[in-house]
Amino acid sequence: MSAEDLDNYETDAELALYKEYRDVIKLFTYVVETERRFYLANRVDFNVRQAGQDAYFDVQLTDAWVWDVYRPSRFVKNVRIVTFKDVNVEEVQKTEIEVPRDLE
């Protein structure tokens, strides 16, 4: 496999992932971003925990979808995120997520 073939494969996989995201986002209520991953979820349980003098985030997602181009199945029943890094949780605004079909 040449470098060009590999680039084409990765580009096609990323485009397919974007199209899947565009199709499934309307099924979810929340967008969750971490340093490592991007998730869609219908339930988010967000807790700040203490570890000595440090605080960390313990986030549990239910009925989730994971943005990961190499993952064979992106739909996940439960996800637990434990991190000292930032976590962003936003409620999806249904009217703002419609992507024009001519952008395919």
N, C-alpha and C. Protein backbone atom coordinates (compact mmCIF):
# COMPACT_ATOMS: atom_id res chain seq x y z
N MET A 1 0.85 -1.17 0.00
CA MET A 1 0.00 0.00 0.00
C MET A 1 0.89 1.24 0.00
N SER A 2 0.64 2.12 -0.92
CA SER A 2 1.45 3.33 -1.03
C SER A 2 0.99 4.38 -0.03
N ALA A 3 1.80 5.40 0.14
CA ALA A 3 1.43 6.50 1.04
C ALA A 3 0.18 7.20 0.54
N GLU A 4 0.05 7.32 -0.77
CA GLU A 4 -1.14 7.96 -1.35
C GLU A 4 -2.39 7.12 -1.09
N ASP A 5 -2.28 5.78 -1.22
CA ASP A 5 -3.40 4.89 -0.92
C ASP A 5 -3.82 5.03 0.54
N LEU A 6 -2.84 5.11 1.42
CA LEU A 6 -3.13 5.26 2.84
C LEU A 6 -3.83 6.60 3.12
N ASP A 7 -3.34 7.66 2.51
CA ASP A 7 -3.98 8.97 2.66
C ASP A 7 -5.42 8.94 2.15
N ASN A 8 -5.64 8.31 1.01
CA ASN A 8 -6.99 8.21 0.45
C ASN A 8 -7.90 7.41 1.37
N TYR A 9 -7.39 6.32 1.92
CA TYR A 9 -8.17 5.49 2.85
C TYR A 9 -8.57 6.31 4.07
N GLU A 10 -7.62 7.03 4.66
CA GLU A 10 -7.91 7.83 5.85
C GLU A 10 -8.89 8.96 5.55
N THR A 11 -8.74 9.59 4.39
CA THR A 11 -9.66 10.65 3.99
C THR A 11 -11.07 10.10 3.81
N ASP A 12 -11.19 8.96 3.15
CA ASP A 12 -12.50 8.33 2.96
C ASP A 12 -13.13 7.92 4.29
N ALA A 13 -12.31 7.39 5.20
CA ALA A 13 -12.82 6.98 6.51
C ALA A 13 -13.30 8.18 7.32
N GLU A 14 -12.57 9.29 7.26
CA GLU A 14 -12.97 10.50 7.98
C GLU A 14 -14.25 11.09 7.40
N LEU A 15 -14.38 11.06 6.08
CA LEU A 15 -15.60 11.57 5.45
C LEU A 15 -16.80 10.69 5.82
N ALA A 16 -16.62 9.38 5.84
CA ALA A 16 -17.70 8.48 6.23
C ALA A 16 -18.09 8.72 7.69
N LEU A 17 -17.10 8.97 8.55
CA LEU A 17 -17.38 9.25 9.96
C LEU A 17 -18.17 10.55 10.09
N TYR A 18 -17.80 11.58 9.36
CA TYR A 18 -18.54 12.84 9.39
C TYR A 18 -19.98 12.64 8.93
N LYS A 19 -20.17 11.88 7.87
CA LYS A 19 -21.53 11.63 7.37
C LYS A 19 -22.35 10.86 8.41
N GLU A 20 -21.72 9.90 9.09
CA GLU A 20 -22.42 9.16 10.14
C GLU A 20 -22.79 10.11 11.28
N TYR A 21 -21.87 10.97 11.68
CA TYR A 21 -22.13 11.96 12.73
C TYR A 21 -23.33 12.83 12.35
N ARG A 22 -23.33 13.32 11.12
CA ARG A 22 -24.42 14.18 10.64
C ARG A 22 -25.76 13.45 10.70
N ASP A 23 -25.74 12.16 10.43
CA ASP A 23 -26.98 11.37 10.45
C ASP A 23 -27.45 11.04 11.86
N VAL A 24 -26.54 10.86 12.81
CA VAL A 24 -26.94 10.40 14.15
C VAL A 24 -27.09 11.51 15.18
N ILE A 25 -26.56 12.68 14.93
CA ILE A 25 -26.60 13.72 15.96
C ILE A 25 -28.02 14.04 16.39
N LYS A 26 -28.97 13.94 15.48
CA LYS A 26 -30.36 14.26 15.85
C LYS A 26 -30.97 13.24 16.80
N LEU A 27 -30.28 12.12 17.04
CA LEU A 27 -30.75 11.10 17.98
C LEU A 27 -30.31 11.38 19.42
N PHE A 28 -29.43 12.38 19.61
CA PHE A 28 -28.81 12.59 20.91
C PHE A 28 -29.13 13.97 21.49
N THR A 29 -28.97 14.07 22.81
CA THR A 29 -29.30 15.28 23.55
C THR A 29 -28.07 16.11 23.90
N TYR A 30 -26.92 15.46 24.12
CA TYR A 30 -25.71 16.15 24.57
C TYR A 30 -24.51 15.87 23.68
N VAL A 31 -23.65 16.88 23.61
CA VAL A 31 -22.32 16.75 23.00
C VAL A 31 -21.33 16.86 24.14
N VAL A 32 -20.39 15.91 24.22
CA VAL A 32 -19.39 15.91 25.28
C VAL A 32 -18.01 15.86 24.63
N GLU A 33 -17.18 16.85 24.98
CA GLU A 33 -15.82 16.91 24.44
C GLU A 33 -14.81 16.78 25.57
N THR A 34 -13.82 15.93 25.34
CA THR A 34 -12.69 15.82 26.26
C THR A 34 -11.43 16.06 25.44
N GLU A 35 -10.30 16.03 26.09
CA GLU A 35 -9.04 16.20 25.38
C GLU A 35 -8.81 15.07 24.37
N ARG A 36 -9.31 13.89 24.66
CA ARG A 36 -9.05 12.71 23.84
C ARG A 36 -10.18 12.31 22.91
N ARG A 37 -11.44 12.64 23.25
CA ARG A 37 -12.56 12.11 22.48
C ARG A 37 -13.69 13.13 22.38
N PHE A 38 -14.59 12.81 21.46
CA PHE A 38 -15.81 13.57 21.24
C PHE A 38 -16.96 12.57 21.28
N TYR A 39 -17.98 12.86 22.06
CA TYR A 39 -19.10 11.94 22.25
C TYR A 39 -20.42 12.64 22.00
N LEU A 40 -21.41 11.87 21.64
CA LEU A 40 -22.81 12.27 21.67
C LEU A 40 -23.45 11.36 22.70
N ALA A 41 -24.39 11.88 23.50
CA ALA A 41 -25.01 11.04 24.52
C ALA A 41 -26.42 11.55 24.83
N ASN A 42 -27.23 10.66 25.35
CA ASN A 42 -28.57 11.05 25.77
C ASN A 42 -28.68 11.31 27.26
N ARG A 43 -27.70 10.87 28.02
CA ARG A 43 -27.68 11.15 29.45
C ARG A 43 -26.24 11.37 29.88
N VAL A 44 -26.02 12.42 30.68
CA VAL A 44 -24.69 12.74 31.18
C VAL A 44 -24.78 12.95 32.68
N ASP A 45 -23.97 12.20 33.42
CA ASP A 45 -23.87 12.36 34.87
C ASP A 45 -22.47 12.89 35.15
N PHE A 46 -22.38 14.16 35.55
CA PHE A 46 -21.11 14.87 35.68
C PHE A 46 -20.81 15.12 37.15
N ASN A 47 -19.66 14.63 37.63
CA ASN A 47 -19.27 14.81 39.03
C ASN A 47 -17.84 15.30 39.14
N VAL A 48 -17.62 16.20 40.08
CA VAL A 48 -16.26 16.65 40.41
C VAL A 48 -15.85 15.89 41.66
N ARG A 49 -14.72 15.22 41.59
CA ARG A 49 -14.22 14.42 42.71
C ARG A 49 -12.91 15.02 43.24
N GLN A 50 -12.59 14.70 44.47
CA GLN A 50 -11.35 15.17 45.08
C GLN A 50 -10.35 14.02 45.18
N ALA A 51 -9.10 14.32 44.89
CA ALA A 51 -7.99 13.40 45.09
C ALA A 51 -6.91 14.19 45.83
N GLY A 52 -6.96 14.16 47.14
CA GLY A 52 -6.08 15.01 47.91
C GLY A 52 -6.50 16.45 47.71
N GLN A 53 -5.57 17.28 47.26
CA GLN A 53 -5.91 18.69 46.99
C GLN A 53 -6.30 18.91 45.54
N ASP A 54 -6.21 17.88 44.72
CA ASP A 54 -6.56 18.00 43.30
C ASP A 54 -8.01 17.58 43.07
N ALA A 55 -8.60 18.14 42.05
CA ALA A 55 -9.96 17.76 41.65
C ALA A 55 -9.89 17.10 40.27
N TYR A 56 -10.76 16.13 40.06
CA TYR A 56 -10.86 15.50 38.76
C TYR A 56 -12.33 15.32 38.41
N PHE A 57 -12.58 15.04 37.14
CA PHE A 57 -13.95 14.88 36.66
C PHE A 57 -14.24 13.41 36.44
N ASP A 58 -15.39 12.99 36.91
CA ASP A 58 -15.89 11.64 36.71
C ASP A 58 -17.22 11.80 35.97
N VAL A 59 -17.21 11.46 34.69
CA VAL A 59 -18.37 11.68 33.83
C VAL A 59 -18.87 10.33 33.33
N GLN A 60 -20.15 10.09 33.48
CA GLN A 60 -20.74 8.85 32.98
C GLN A 60 -21.77 9.19 31.92
N LEU A 61 -21.64 8.55 30.77
CA LEU A 61 -22.55 8.75 29.65
C LEU A 61 -23.37 7.50 29.44
N THR A 62 -24.62 7.69 29.10
CA THR A 62 -25.50 6.58 28.78
C THR A 62 -26.04 6.78 27.38
N ASP A 63 -26.15 5.69 26.64
CA ASP A 63 -26.65 5.74 25.26
C ASP A 63 -25.82 6.72 24.46
N ALA A 64 -24.59 6.32 24.15
CA ALA A 64 -23.62 7.23 23.57
C ALA A 64 -23.14 6.78 22.19
N TRP A 65 -22.54 7.74 21.50
CA TRP A 65 -21.87 7.53 20.21
C TRP A 65 -20.51 8.17 20.32
N VAL A 66 -19.46 7.48 19.87
CA VAL A 66 -18.08 7.94 20.01
C VAL A 66 -17.52 8.32 18.65
N TRP A 67 -16.94 9.53 18.56
CA TRP A 67 -16.27 9.96 17.33
C TRP A 67 -14.89 9.30 17.34
N ASP A 68 -14.76 8.21 16.61
CA ASP A 68 -13.48 7.49 16.51
C ASP A 68 -13.47 6.76 15.18
N VAL A 69 -12.63 7.22 14.28
CA VAL A 69 -12.63 6.70 12.91
C VAL A 69 -12.23 5.22 12.86
N TYR A 70 -11.46 4.75 13.82
CA TYR A 70 -10.96 3.37 13.78
C TYR A 70 -11.79 2.40 14.61
N ARG A 71 -12.81 2.88 15.26
CA ARG A 71 -13.66 2.03 16.12
C ARG A 71 -14.68 1.31 15.24
N PRO A 72 -14.78 -0.01 15.33
CA PRO A 72 -15.73 -0.74 14.48
C PRO A 72 -17.19 -0.46 14.81
N SER A 73 -17.50 -0.23 16.08
CA SER A 73 -18.86 0.08 16.49
C SER A 73 -18.80 1.33 17.37
N ARG A 74 -19.41 2.40 16.90
CA ARG A 74 -19.32 3.66 17.62
C ARG A 74 -20.45 3.86 18.63
N PHE A 75 -21.49 3.06 18.56
CA PHE A 75 -22.59 3.14 19.52
C PHE A 75 -22.20 2.36 20.78
N VAL A 76 -22.32 3.02 21.94
CA VAL A 76 -21.90 2.43 23.21
C VAL A 76 -23.02 2.64 24.23
N LYS A 77 -23.31 1.60 25.00
CA LYS A 77 -24.37 1.70 26.00
C LYS A 77 -23.97 2.60 27.16
N ASN A 78 -22.76 2.42 27.69
CA ASN A 78 -22.26 3.21 28.82
C ASN A 78 -20.80 3.58 28.59
N VAL A 79 -20.46 4.80 28.98
CA VAL A 79 -19.07 5.28 28.90
C VAL A 79 -18.75 5.96 30.22
N ARG A 80 -17.56 5.70 30.73
CA ARG A 80 -17.10 6.41 31.92
C ARG A 80 -15.81 7.13 31.56
N ILE A 81 -15.79 8.42 31.86
CA ILE A 81 -14.62 9.26 31.59
C ILE A 81 -14.10 9.75 32.94
N VAL A 82 -12.84 9.51 33.21
CA VAL A 82 -12.20 10.01 34.42
C VAL A 82 -10.97 10.79 33.96
N THR A 83 -10.95 12.10 34.28
CA THR A 83 -9.87 12.93 33.77
C THR A 83 -9.62 14.13 34.67
N PHE A 84 -8.38 14.59 34.65
CA PHE A 84 -8.01 15.84 35.30
C PHE A 84 -8.12 17.01 34.32
N LYS A 85 -8.31 16.71 33.06
CA LYS A 85 -8.38 17.73 32.00
C LYS A 85 -9.80 18.27 31.86
N ASP A 86 -9.95 19.29 31.04
CA ASP A 86 -11.26 19.90 30.82
C ASP A 86 -12.24 18.94 30.16
N VAL A 87 -13.49 19.09 30.54
CA VAL A 87 -14.59 18.36 29.90
C VAL A 87 -15.67 19.40 29.57
N ASN A 88 -16.11 19.40 28.33
CA ASN A 88 -17.14 20.33 27.89
C ASN A 88 -18.41 19.54 27.59
N VAL A 89 -19.53 19.94 28.22
CA VAL A 89 -20.82 19.29 27.99
C VAL A 89 -21.78 20.37 27.49
N GLU A 90 -22.38 20.11 26.34
CA GLU A 90 -23.35 21.05 25.78
C GLU A 90 -24.62 20.31 25.39
N GLU A 91 -25.74 20.97 25.59
CA GLU A 91 -27.00 20.40 25.13
C GLU A 91 -27.15 20.74 23.65
N VAL A 92 -27.52 19.74 22.86
CA VAL A 92 -27.68 19.92 21.43
C VAL A 92 -28.90 20.79 21.16
N GLN A 93 -28.71 21.81 20.36
CA GLN A 93 -29.82 22.64 19.91
C GLN A 93 -30.28 22.07 18.58
N LYS A 94 -31.40 21.42 18.57
CA LYS A 94 -31.87 20.70 17.39
C LYS A 94 -31.97 21.57 16.15
N THR A 95 -32.33 22.83 16.30
CA THR A 95 -32.50 23.68 15.13
C THR A 95 -31.16 24.11 14.53
N GLU A 96 -30.08 24.00 15.29
CA GLU A 96 -28.79 24.45 14.81
C GLU A 96 -27.96 23.35 14.16
N ILE A 97 -28.43 22.12 14.17
CA ILE A 97 -27.57 21.04 13.71
C ILE A 97 -27.88 20.53 12.31
N GLU A 98 -28.86 21.09 11.67
CA GLU A 98 -29.20 20.62 10.33
C GLU A 98 -28.13 21.05 9.34
N VAL A 99 -27.49 20.08 8.73
CA VAL A 99 -26.46 20.34 7.73
C VAL A 99 -27.08 20.19 6.36
N PRO A 100 -26.90 21.17 5.49
CA PRO A 100 -27.46 21.06 4.15
C PRO A 100 -26.95 19.82 3.43
N ARG A 101 -27.85 19.11 2.78
CA ARG A 101 -27.49 17.87 2.08
C ARG A 101 -26.57 18.12 0.90
N ASP A 102 -26.54 19.32 0.36
CA ASP A 102 -25.68 19.59 -0.78
C ASP A 102 -24.21 19.66 -0.41
N LEU A 103 -23.88 19.56 0.88
CA LEU A 103 -22.50 19.55 1.32
C LEU A 103 -21.90 18.14 1.32
N GLU A 104 -22.64 17.16 0.91
CA GLU A 104 -22.15 15.77 0.90
C GLU A 104 -21.07 15.60 -0.14
